[in-house]
Amino acid sequence: LKALKNSALVIETGISTNQKARSGWLKEEIAASHVKLDAQAVALIQEHLGEDLSRLAPLLETLEAAFGPTKHLSANEILPFLGSSGSTPPWALADAMDTGDSKTALIELHRLLNASSRHPLTILALLERHFDQPLRLQGVNLTTREEAAQYLGNIHPFVAQKALARSRRLGIEGLHRAITLLADADYDLRGISGLSGESVLEILVARLCQLSKTTSRR
């Protein structure tokens, strides 16, 4: 098997999970198609499809059938053909919460719930990990992202750097408040409040965004 691998030609058929590479792939596929799109239309498709890049080829075929190969299409012209929003990576929600951008955070939450079909408890677990990592860094004398990555269990240094920054920004009081909000949401998702899972998460995300805003002003 090893000899076969050494002598064989390996062809990559998958799409990279790297955001920059995926963006480049999408633009290459559009450029190679018979559909002409302006820059805003390309950006709209990229944002709308999210991680669901398998929807790109059928979309391009539909646009070609509707408009032909010669017309340059704008974002407004392709908008009715996009359908529902595609899935989104979990870090998009986390990044929006870290900046206190509640509008974007709620949009990303709904994409996780609907397009990605993630269960509310699964999303809650993602949010718990998002705040558990910086909480574990409290009171520990670490200065570099490499040290933080090793301390948190050899996670990626980039993820550790964000956790370290979050730990410093929120502080022990902010992190305790976040953990309390997460615990309350856990009870509510299990039927204590009677609210739907979507409503519970919307309230939680809005409160966590407000917490990030408040602590960033200090």
C-alpha atoms as a PDB file:
ATOM      1  CA  LEU A   1       0.000   0.000   0.000  1.00  0.00           C
ATOM      2  CA  LYS A   2       2.850   2.377   0.867  1.00  0.00           C
ATOM      3  CA  ALA A   3       4.539   1.651  -2.459  1.00  0.00           C
ATOM      4  CA  LEU A   4       1.269   2.321  -4.255  1.00  0.00           C
ATOM      5  CA  LYS A   5       0.903   5.681  -2.506  1.00  0.00           C
ATOM      6  CA  ASN A   6       4.460   6.643  -3.405  1.00  0.00           C
ATOM      7  CA  SER A   7       3.976   5.881  -7.091  1.00  0.00           C
ATOM      8  CA  ALA A   8       0.364   6.950  -7.539  1.00  0.00           C
ATOM      9  CA  LEU A   9      -0.936  10.326  -8.620  1.00  0.00           C
ATOM     10  CA  VAL A  10      -3.092  11.746  -5.829  1.00  0.00           C
ATOM     11  CA  ILE A  11      -5.964  13.976  -6.899  1.00  0.00           C
ATOM     12  CA  GLU A  12      -7.671  16.112  -4.257  1.00  0.00           C
ATOM     13  CA  THR A  13     -11.428  16.094  -4.811  1.00  0.00           C
ATOM     14  CA  GLY A  14     -12.656  17.553  -1.533  1.00  0.00           C
ATOM     15  CA  ILE A  15     -13.219  21.196  -0.697  1.00  0.00           C
ATOM     16  CA  SER A  16     -10.904  22.650   1.922  1.00  0.00           C
ATOM     17  CA  THR A  17     -12.301  23.571   5.336  1.00  0.00           C
ATOM     18  CA  ASN A  18     -10.081  26.671   5.307  1.00  0.00           C
ATOM     19  CA  GLN A  19     -12.263  29.744   4.782  1.00  0.00           C
ATOM     20  CA  LYS A  20      -9.818  31.479   2.421  1.00  0.00           C
ATOM     21  CA  ALA A  21      -9.381  28.335   0.329  1.00  0.00           C
ATOM     22  CA  ARG A  22     -13.144  27.767   0.153  1.00  0.00           C
ATOM     23  CA  SER A  23     -13.665  31.363  -0.937  1.00  0.00           C
ATOM     24  CA  GLY A  24     -11.041  30.946  -3.649  1.00  0.00           C
ATOM     25  CA  TRP A  25     -12.631  27.693  -4.816  1.00  0.00           C
ATOM     26  CA  LEU A  26     -16.067  29.311  -5.060  1.00  0.00           C
ATOM     27  CA  LYS A  27     -14.738  32.223  -7.121  1.00  0.00           C
ATOM     28  CA  GLU A  28     -12.861  29.843  -9.435  1.00  0.00           C
ATOM     29  CA  GLU A  29     -15.994  27.759 -10.008  1.00  0.00           C
ATOM     30  CA  ILE A  30     -18.037  30.860 -10.821  1.00  0.00           C
ATOM     31  CA  ALA A  31     -15.337  32.160 -13.183  1.00  0.00           C
ATOM     32  CA  ALA A  32     -15.236  28.799 -14.977  1.00  0.00           C
ATOM     33  CA  SER A  33     -19.015  28.694 -15.418  1.00  0.00           C
ATOM     34  CA  HIS A  34     -21.093  30.249 -18.205  1.00  0.00           C
ATOM     35  CA  VAL A  35     -22.659  32.744 -15.791  1.00  0.00           C
ATOM     36  CA  LYS A  36     -21.335  36.296 -15.523  1.00  0.00           C
ATOM     37  CA  LEU A  37     -21.697  37.909 -12.098  1.00  0.00           C
ATOM     38  CA  ASP A  38     -20.559  41.241 -10.731  1.00  0.00           C
ATOM     39  CA  ALA A  39     -18.475  41.416  -7.541  1.00  0.00           C
ATOM     40  CA  GLN A  40     -21.474  42.095  -5.296  1.00  0.00           C
ATOM     41  CA  ALA A  41     -23.339  39.090  -6.697  1.00  0.00           C
ATOM     42  CA  VAL A  42     -20.339  36.827  -6.033  1.00  0.00           C
ATOM     43  CA  ALA A  43     -20.047  38.148  -2.474  1.00  0.00           C
ATOM     44  CA  LEU A  44     -23.778  37.589  -1.916  1.00  0.00           C
ATOM     45  CA  ILE A  45     -23.564  33.972  -3.095  1.00  0.00           C
ATOM     46  CA  GLN A  46     -20.547  33.332  -0.881  1.00  0.00           C
ATOM     47  CA  GLU A  47     -22.261  34.766   2.193  1.00  0.00           C
ATOM     48  CA  HIS A  48     -25.587  33.080   1.474  1.00  0.00           C
ATOM     49  CA  LEU A  49     -24.317  29.564   0.793  1.00  0.00           C
ATOM     50  CA  GLY A  50     -21.992  29.527   3.783  1.00  0.00           C
ATOM     51  CA  GLU A  51     -20.583  26.006   4.090  1.00  0.00           C
ATOM     52  CA  ASP A  52     -23.158  24.479   1.711  1.00  0.00           C
ATOM     53  CA  LEU A  53     -20.959  24.785  -1.373  1.00  0.00           C
ATOM     54  CA  SER A  54     -22.625  21.731  -2.922  1.00  0.00           C
ATOM     55  CA  ARG A  55     -25.492  24.095  -3.778  1.00  0.00           C
ATOM     56  CA  LEU A  56     -23.274  26.241  -6.012  1.00  0.00           C
ATOM     57  CA  ALA A  57     -23.387  24.105  -9.180  1.00  0.00           C
ATOM     58  CA  PRO A  58     -27.217  23.782  -9.261  1.00  0.00           C
ATOM     59  CA  LEU A  59     -27.511  27.523  -8.597  1.00  0.00           C
ATOM     60  CA  LEU A  60     -25.198  28.390 -11.498  1.00  0.00           C
ATOM     61  CA  GLU A  61     -27.117  26.044 -13.807  1.00  0.00           C
ATOM     62  CA  THR A  62     -30.386  27.708 -12.809  1.00  0.00           C
ATOM     63  CA  LEU A  63     -28.993  31.199 -13.398  1.00  0.00           C
ATOM     64  CA  GLU A  64     -27.650  30.189 -16.816  1.00  0.00           C
ATOM     65  CA  ALA A  65     -31.014  28.722 -17.784  1.00  0.00           C
ATOM     66  CA  ALA A  66     -32.829  31.845 -16.623  1.00  0.00           C
ATOM     67  CA  PHE A  67     -30.533  34.559 -18.012  1.00  0.00           C
ATOM     68  CA  GLY A  68     -28.240  32.926 -20.553  1.00  0.00           C
ATOM     69  CA  PRO A  69     -24.442  33.182 -20.732  1.00  0.00           C
ATOM     70  CA  THR A  70     -24.086  36.780 -21.924  1.00  0.00           C
ATOM     71  CA  LYS A  71     -25.885  38.953 -19.364  1.00  0.00           C
ATOM     72  CA  HIS A  72     -23.860  40.322 -16.426  1.00  0.00           C
ATOM     73  CA  LEU A  73     -25.951  39.684 -13.325  1.00  0.00           C
ATOM     74  CA  SER A  74     -26.178  41.894 -10.257  1.00  0.00           C
ATOM     75  CA  ALA A  75     -26.859  40.893  -6.666  1.00  0.00           C
ATOM     76  CA  ASN A  76     -30.476  42.075  -6.926  1.00  0.00           C
ATOM     77  CA  GLU A  77     -31.064  39.927 -10.010  1.00  0.00           C
ATOM     78  CA  ILE A  78     -29.825  36.691  -8.437  1.00  0.00           C
ATOM     79  CA  LEU A  79     -31.420  37.248  -5.015  1.00  0.00           C
ATOM     80  CA  PRO A  80     -34.753  35.502  -5.862  1.00  0.00           C
ATOM     81  CA  PHE A  81     -32.844  32.367  -6.929  1.00  0.00           C
ATOM     82  CA  LEU A  82     -30.835  31.857  -3.747  1.00  0.00           C
ATOM     83  CA  GLY A  83     -33.395  30.044  -1.614  1.00  0.00           C
ATOM     84  CA  SER A  84     -32.751  29.544   2.106  1.00  0.00           C
ATOM     85  CA  SER A  85     -29.450  30.511   3.695  1.00  0.00           C
ATOM     86  CA  GLY A  86     -26.741  27.874   3.898  1.00  0.00           C
ATOM     87  CA  SER A  87     -25.087  26.565   7.021  1.00  0.00           C
ATOM     88  CA  THR A  88     -22.475  28.495   8.942  1.00  0.00           C
ATOM     89  CA  PRO A  89     -19.432  27.437  10.979  1.00  0.00           C
ATOM     90  CA  PRO A  90     -19.887  27.650  14.773  1.00  0.00           C
ATOM     91  CA  TRP A  91     -17.020  30.131  15.127  1.00  0.00           C
ATOM     92  CA  ALA A  92     -19.036  32.725  13.176  1.00  0.00           C
ATOM     93  CA  LEU A  93     -21.545  32.869  16.040  1.00  0.00           C
ATOM     94  CA  ALA A  94     -18.755  32.955  18.627  1.00  0.00           C
ATOM     95  CA  ASP A  95     -16.918  35.791  16.862  1.00  0.00           C
ATOM     96  CA  ALA A  96     -20.092  37.890  16.655  1.00  0.00           C
ATOM     97  CA  MET A  97     -20.753  37.385  20.371  1.00  0.00           C
ATOM     98  CA  ASP A  98     -17.180  38.336  21.267  1.00  0.00           C
ATOM     99  CA  THR A  99     -17.636  41.712  19.573  1.00  0.00           C
ATOM    100  CA  GLY A 100     -21.084  42.225  21.097  1.00  0.00           C
ATOM    101  CA  ASP A 101     -22.726  42.264  17.650  1.00  0.00           C
ATOM    102  CA  SER A 102     -26.137  40.884  18.621  1.00  0.00           C
ATOM    103  CA  LYS A 103     -27.678  41.356  15.164  1.00  0.00           C
ATOM    104  CA  THR A 104     -25.027  39.256  13.412  1.00  0.00           C
ATOM    105  CA  ALA A 105     -24.937  36.753  16.276  1.00  0.00           C
ATOM    106  CA  LEU A 106     -28.677  36.096  16.005  1.00  0.00           C
ATOM    107  CA  ILE A 107     -28.411  35.667  12.226  1.00  0.00           C
ATOM    108  CA  GLU A 108     -25.618  33.109  12.700  1.00  0.00           C
ATOM    109  CA  LEU A 109     -27.612  31.369  15.445  1.00  0.00           C
ATOM    110  CA  HIS A 110     -30.610  30.924  13.147  1.00  0.00           C
ATOM    111  CA  ARG A 111     -28.369  29.555  10.394  1.00  0.00           C
ATOM    112  CA  LEU A 112     -26.963  26.988  12.824  1.00  0.00           C
ATOM    113  CA  LEU A 113     -30.461  26.010  13.932  1.00  0.00           C
ATOM    114  CA  ASN A 114     -32.100  25.927  10.511  1.00  0.00           C
ATOM    115  CA  ALA A 115     -29.597  25.384   7.699  1.00  0.00           C
ATOM    116  CA  SER A 116     -27.235  23.239   9.780  1.00  0.00           C
ATOM    117  CA  SER A 117     -30.103  21.503  11.633  1.00  0.00           C
ATOM    118  CA  ARG A 118     -28.163  21.556  14.894  1.00  0.00           C
ATOM    119  CA  HIS A 119     -30.062  20.652  18.055  1.00  0.00           C
ATOM    120  CA  PRO A 120     -30.318  23.514  20.595  1.00  0.00           C
ATOM    121  CA  LEU A 121     -28.444  21.439  23.193  1.00  0.00           C
ATOM    122  CA  THR A 122     -25.607  20.935  20.693  1.00  0.00           C
ATOM    123  CA  ILE A 123     -25.324  24.690  20.189  1.00  0.00           C
ATOM    124  CA  LEU A 124     -25.435  25.213  23.956  1.00  0.00           C
ATOM    125  CA  ALA A 125     -22.523  22.782  24.336  1.00  0.00           C
ATOM    126  CA  LEU A 126     -20.534  24.823  21.788  1.00  0.00           C
ATOM    127  CA  LEU A 127     -21.215  28.000  23.753  1.00  0.00           C
ATOM    128  CA  GLU A 128     -20.282  26.331  27.039  1.00  0.00           C
ATOM    129  CA  ARG A 129     -16.902  25.333  25.611  1.00  0.00           C
ATOM    130  CA  HIS A 130     -16.466  28.873  24.288  1.00  0.00           C
ATOM    131  CA  PHE A 131     -16.574  30.225  27.851  1.00  0.00           C
ATOM    132  CA  ASP A 132     -15.124  27.235  29.691  1.00  0.00           C
ATOM    133  CA  GLN A 133     -11.722  27.638  28.023  1.00  0.00           C
ATOM    134  CA  PRO A 134     -11.153  31.261  29.151  1.00  0.00           C
ATOM    135  CA  LEU A 135     -12.482  30.391  32.619  1.00  0.00           C
ATOM    136  CA  ARG A 136      -9.814  27.694  32.957  1.00  0.00           C
ATOM    137  CA  LEU A 137      -7.165  30.292  32.093  1.00  0.00           C
ATOM    138  CA  GLN A 138      -8.169  32.548  34.990  1.00  0.00           C
ATOM    139  CA  GLY A 139      -5.485  32.785  37.670  1.00  0.00           C
ATOM    140  CA  VAL A 140      -2.927  30.949  35.534  1.00  0.00           C
ATOM    141  CA  ASN A 141       0.243  32.853  34.669  1.00  0.00           C
ATOM    142  CA  LEU A 142       0.376  32.297  30.912  1.00  0.00           C
ATOM    143  CA  THR A 143       1.633  34.904  28.472  1.00  0.00           C
ATOM    144  CA  THR A 144       1.775  33.239  25.049  1.00  0.00           C
ATOM    145  CA  ARG A 145      -0.787  31.455  22.944  1.00  0.00           C
ATOM    146  CA  GLU A 146       1.500  28.412  22.768  1.00  0.00           C
ATOM    147  CA  GLU A 147       1.486  28.120  26.563  1.00  0.00           C
ATOM    148  CA  ALA A 148      -2.293  28.524  26.622  1.00  0.00           C
ATOM    149  CA  ALA A 149      -2.719  25.919  23.868  1.00  0.00           C
ATOM    150  CA  GLN A 150      -0.702  23.370  25.822  1.00  0.00           C
ATOM    151  CA  TYR A 151      -2.499  24.157  29.083  1.00  0.00           C
ATOM    152  CA  LEU A 152      -5.920  23.710  27.451  1.00  0.00           C
ATOM    153  CA  GLY A 153      -5.017  20.296  26.083  1.00  0.00           C
ATOM    154  CA  ASN A 154      -2.885  20.966  23.013  1.00  0.00           C
ATOM    155  CA  ILE A 155      -5.576  22.845  21.115  1.00  0.00           C
ATOM    156  CA  HIS A 156      -4.708  24.996  18.086  1.00  0.00           C
ATOM    157  CA  PRO A 157      -2.655  28.079  19.109  1.00  0.00           C
ATOM    158  CA  PHE A 158      -5.042  30.392  17.238  1.00  0.00           C
ATOM    159  CA  VAL A 159      -7.992  29.072  19.267  1.00  0.00           C
ATOM    160  CA  ALA A 160      -5.930  29.382  22.447  1.00  0.00           C
ATOM    161  CA  GLN A 161      -5.040  32.985  21.600  1.00  0.00           C
ATOM    162  CA  LYS A 162      -8.735  33.866  21.324  1.00  0.00           C
ATOM    163  CA  ALA A 163      -9.493  32.102  24.613  1.00  0.00           C
ATOM    164  CA  LEU A 164      -6.664  33.995  26.316  1.00  0.00           C
ATOM    165  CA  ALA A 165      -7.951  37.327  24.994  1.00  0.00           C
ATOM    166  CA  ARG A 166     -11.496  36.439  26.076  1.00  0.00           C
ATOM    167  CA  SER A 167     -10.274  35.514  29.550  1.00  0.00           C
ATOM    168  CA  ARG A 168      -8.524  38.861  29.965  1.00  0.00           C
ATOM    169  CA  ARG A 169     -11.393  40.887  28.519  1.00  0.00           C
ATOM    170  CA  LEU A 170     -14.239  39.320  30.500  1.00  0.00           C
ATOM    171  CA  GLY A 171     -12.369  38.760  33.749  1.00  0.00           C
ATOM    172  CA  ILE A 172     -13.523  36.424  36.488  1.00  0.00           C
ATOM    173  CA  GLU A 173     -16.781  38.319  37.125  1.00  0.00           C
ATOM    174  CA  GLY A 174     -17.761  38.388  33.468  1.00  0.00           C
ATOM    175  CA  LEU A 175     -16.968  34.708  33.015  1.00  0.00           C
ATOM    176  CA  HIS A 176     -18.953  33.732  36.108  1.00  0.00           C
ATOM    177  CA  ARG A 177     -21.889  35.728  34.726  1.00  0.00           C
ATOM    178  CA  ALA A 178     -21.570  33.923  31.378  1.00  0.00           C
ATOM    179  CA  ILE A 179     -21.490  30.507  33.069  1.00  0.00           C
ATOM    180  CA  THR A 180     -24.599  31.433  35.086  1.00  0.00           C
ATOM    181  CA  LEU A 181     -26.445  32.444  31.909  1.00  0.00           C
ATOM    182  CA  LEU A 182     -25.425  29.169  30.252  1.00  0.00           C
ATOM    183  CA  ALA A 183     -26.587  27.123  33.250  1.00  0.00           C
ATOM    184  CA  ASP A 184     -29.962  28.902  33.269  1.00  0.00           C
ATOM    185  CA  ALA A 185     -30.344  28.241  29.538  1.00  0.00           C
ATOM    186  CA  ASP A 186     -29.549  24.564  30.095  1.00  0.00           C
ATOM    187  CA  TYR A 187     -32.447  24.295  32.562  1.00  0.00           C
ATOM    188  CA  ASP A 188     -34.748  26.188  30.197  1.00  0.00           C
ATOM    189  CA  LEU A 189     -33.873  23.926  27.251  1.00  0.00           C
ATOM    190  CA  ARG A 190     -34.897  20.944  29.361  1.00  0.00           C
ATOM    191  CA  GLY A 191     -38.399  22.340  29.780  1.00  0.00           C
ATOM    192  CA  ILE A 192     -38.198  24.481  32.920  1.00  0.00           C
ATOM    193  CA  SER A 193     -39.330  27.734  31.276  1.00  0.00           C
ATOM    194  CA  GLY A 194     -41.732  26.335  28.690  1.00  0.00           C
ATOM    195  CA  LEU A 195     -40.060  28.397  25.949  1.00  0.00           C
ATOM    196  CA  SER A 196     -39.006  26.879  22.637  1.00  0.00           C
ATOM    197  CA  GLY A 197     -35.362  25.926  22.183  1.00  0.00           C
ATOM    198  CA  GLU A 198     -34.940  28.671  19.602  1.00  0.00           C
ATOM    199  CA  SER A 199     -36.324  31.325  21.968  1.00  0.00           C
ATOM    200  CA  VAL A 200     -34.091  30.166  24.823  1.00  0.00           C
ATOM    201  CA  LEU A 201     -30.988  30.419  22.642  1.00  0.00           C
ATOM    202  CA  GLU A 202     -32.010  33.801  21.228  1.00  0.00           C
ATOM    203  CA  ILE A 203     -32.304  35.214  24.752  1.00  0.00           C
ATOM    204  CA  LEU A 204     -29.008  33.611  25.781  1.00  0.00           C
ATOM    205  CA  VAL A 205     -27.083  34.919  22.768  1.00  0.00           C
ATOM    206  CA  ALA A 206     -28.496  38.428  23.200  1.00  0.00           C
ATOM    207  CA  ARG A 207     -27.457  38.447  26.873  1.00  0.00           C
ATOM    208  CA  LEU A 208     -23.972  37.122  26.105  1.00  0.00           C
ATOM    209  CA  CYS A 209     -23.546  39.825  23.454  1.00  0.00           C
ATOM    210  CA  GLN A 210     -24.572  42.461  25.983  1.00  0.00           C
ATOM    211  CA  LEU A 211     -22.075  40.997  28.458  1.00  0.00           C
ATOM    212  CA  SER A 212     -19.276  41.288  25.880  1.00  0.00           C
ATOM    213  CA  LYS A 213     -20.268  44.887  25.148  1.00  0.00           C
ATOM    214  CA  THR A 214     -20.288  45.805  28.833  1.00  0.00           C
ATOM    215  CA  THR A 215     -16.909  44.261  29.629  1.00  0.00           C
ATOM    216  CA  SER A 216     -15.240  45.722  26.515  1.00  0.00           C
ATOM    217  CA  ARG A 217     -16.029  49.256  27.763  1.00  0.00           C
ATOM    218  CA  ARG A 218     -14.067  48.773  30.985  1.00  0.00           C
END
